[in-house]
């Protein structure tokens, strides 16, 4: 079977496993535990709308487990079904940012590509954040200014409380008859650490909407 679990889906599975494992270990009422199981089945079925019957069976098997060792084995067994992020070559990445003459790329060989929904890295000296993502089947790259807040806030990408900063990017679209110096910037607060964000993200909708607004 070809790998079919993307990083954000795996994160969702882990989240649901954590909820069910906690319920099994701490809740005495079997009806409540069964409710948690049913909710897990619903969430995971919803997360894999195009999965084959065999793939869905692999994912949903976790909803029938009850002990910590069982959950650990279940998650370990899913690893071979996870999809690795396709970064492209260093040359391809550089072509996504043609205006950056000396682009500093991350060490691609050091990345756990199965644990990535988007490729993000910072140029601290320039206060820049770079994001690469396969949007609508095409690898796109955006750059923007990243201003750390030095405090925790809610990341718009992963929706978790983490150390965040304000990420601001210029849109590529221009209205008809716009002046030469026209620009429009959009921004939002997101994780200062892309690795943390990729570890937490369970839904790609907010990220894809932001990227679409920048590149359209």
Foldseek 3Di string as FASTA:
>chain_A
DAQDAAQLLLLLLVVLLVVLQCCLVPPPDVVVSVVSLVVSLVVNCVLCVPDDPVVSCLSSVSSPDRHPVVNVVSSVVSVRNFDFADPDDPVVVCVLPVVDPDDDDDDPVPDPRSLAQWDWDDDVVVQKIKIWHCAPNRIHIFMFHWAWPQAWDAAQQLRDTARKTKTKGWAPDDDPPDDPPDIDIDIDIHHPDNSVSSSRHNDGVRVNVVVVRRHD
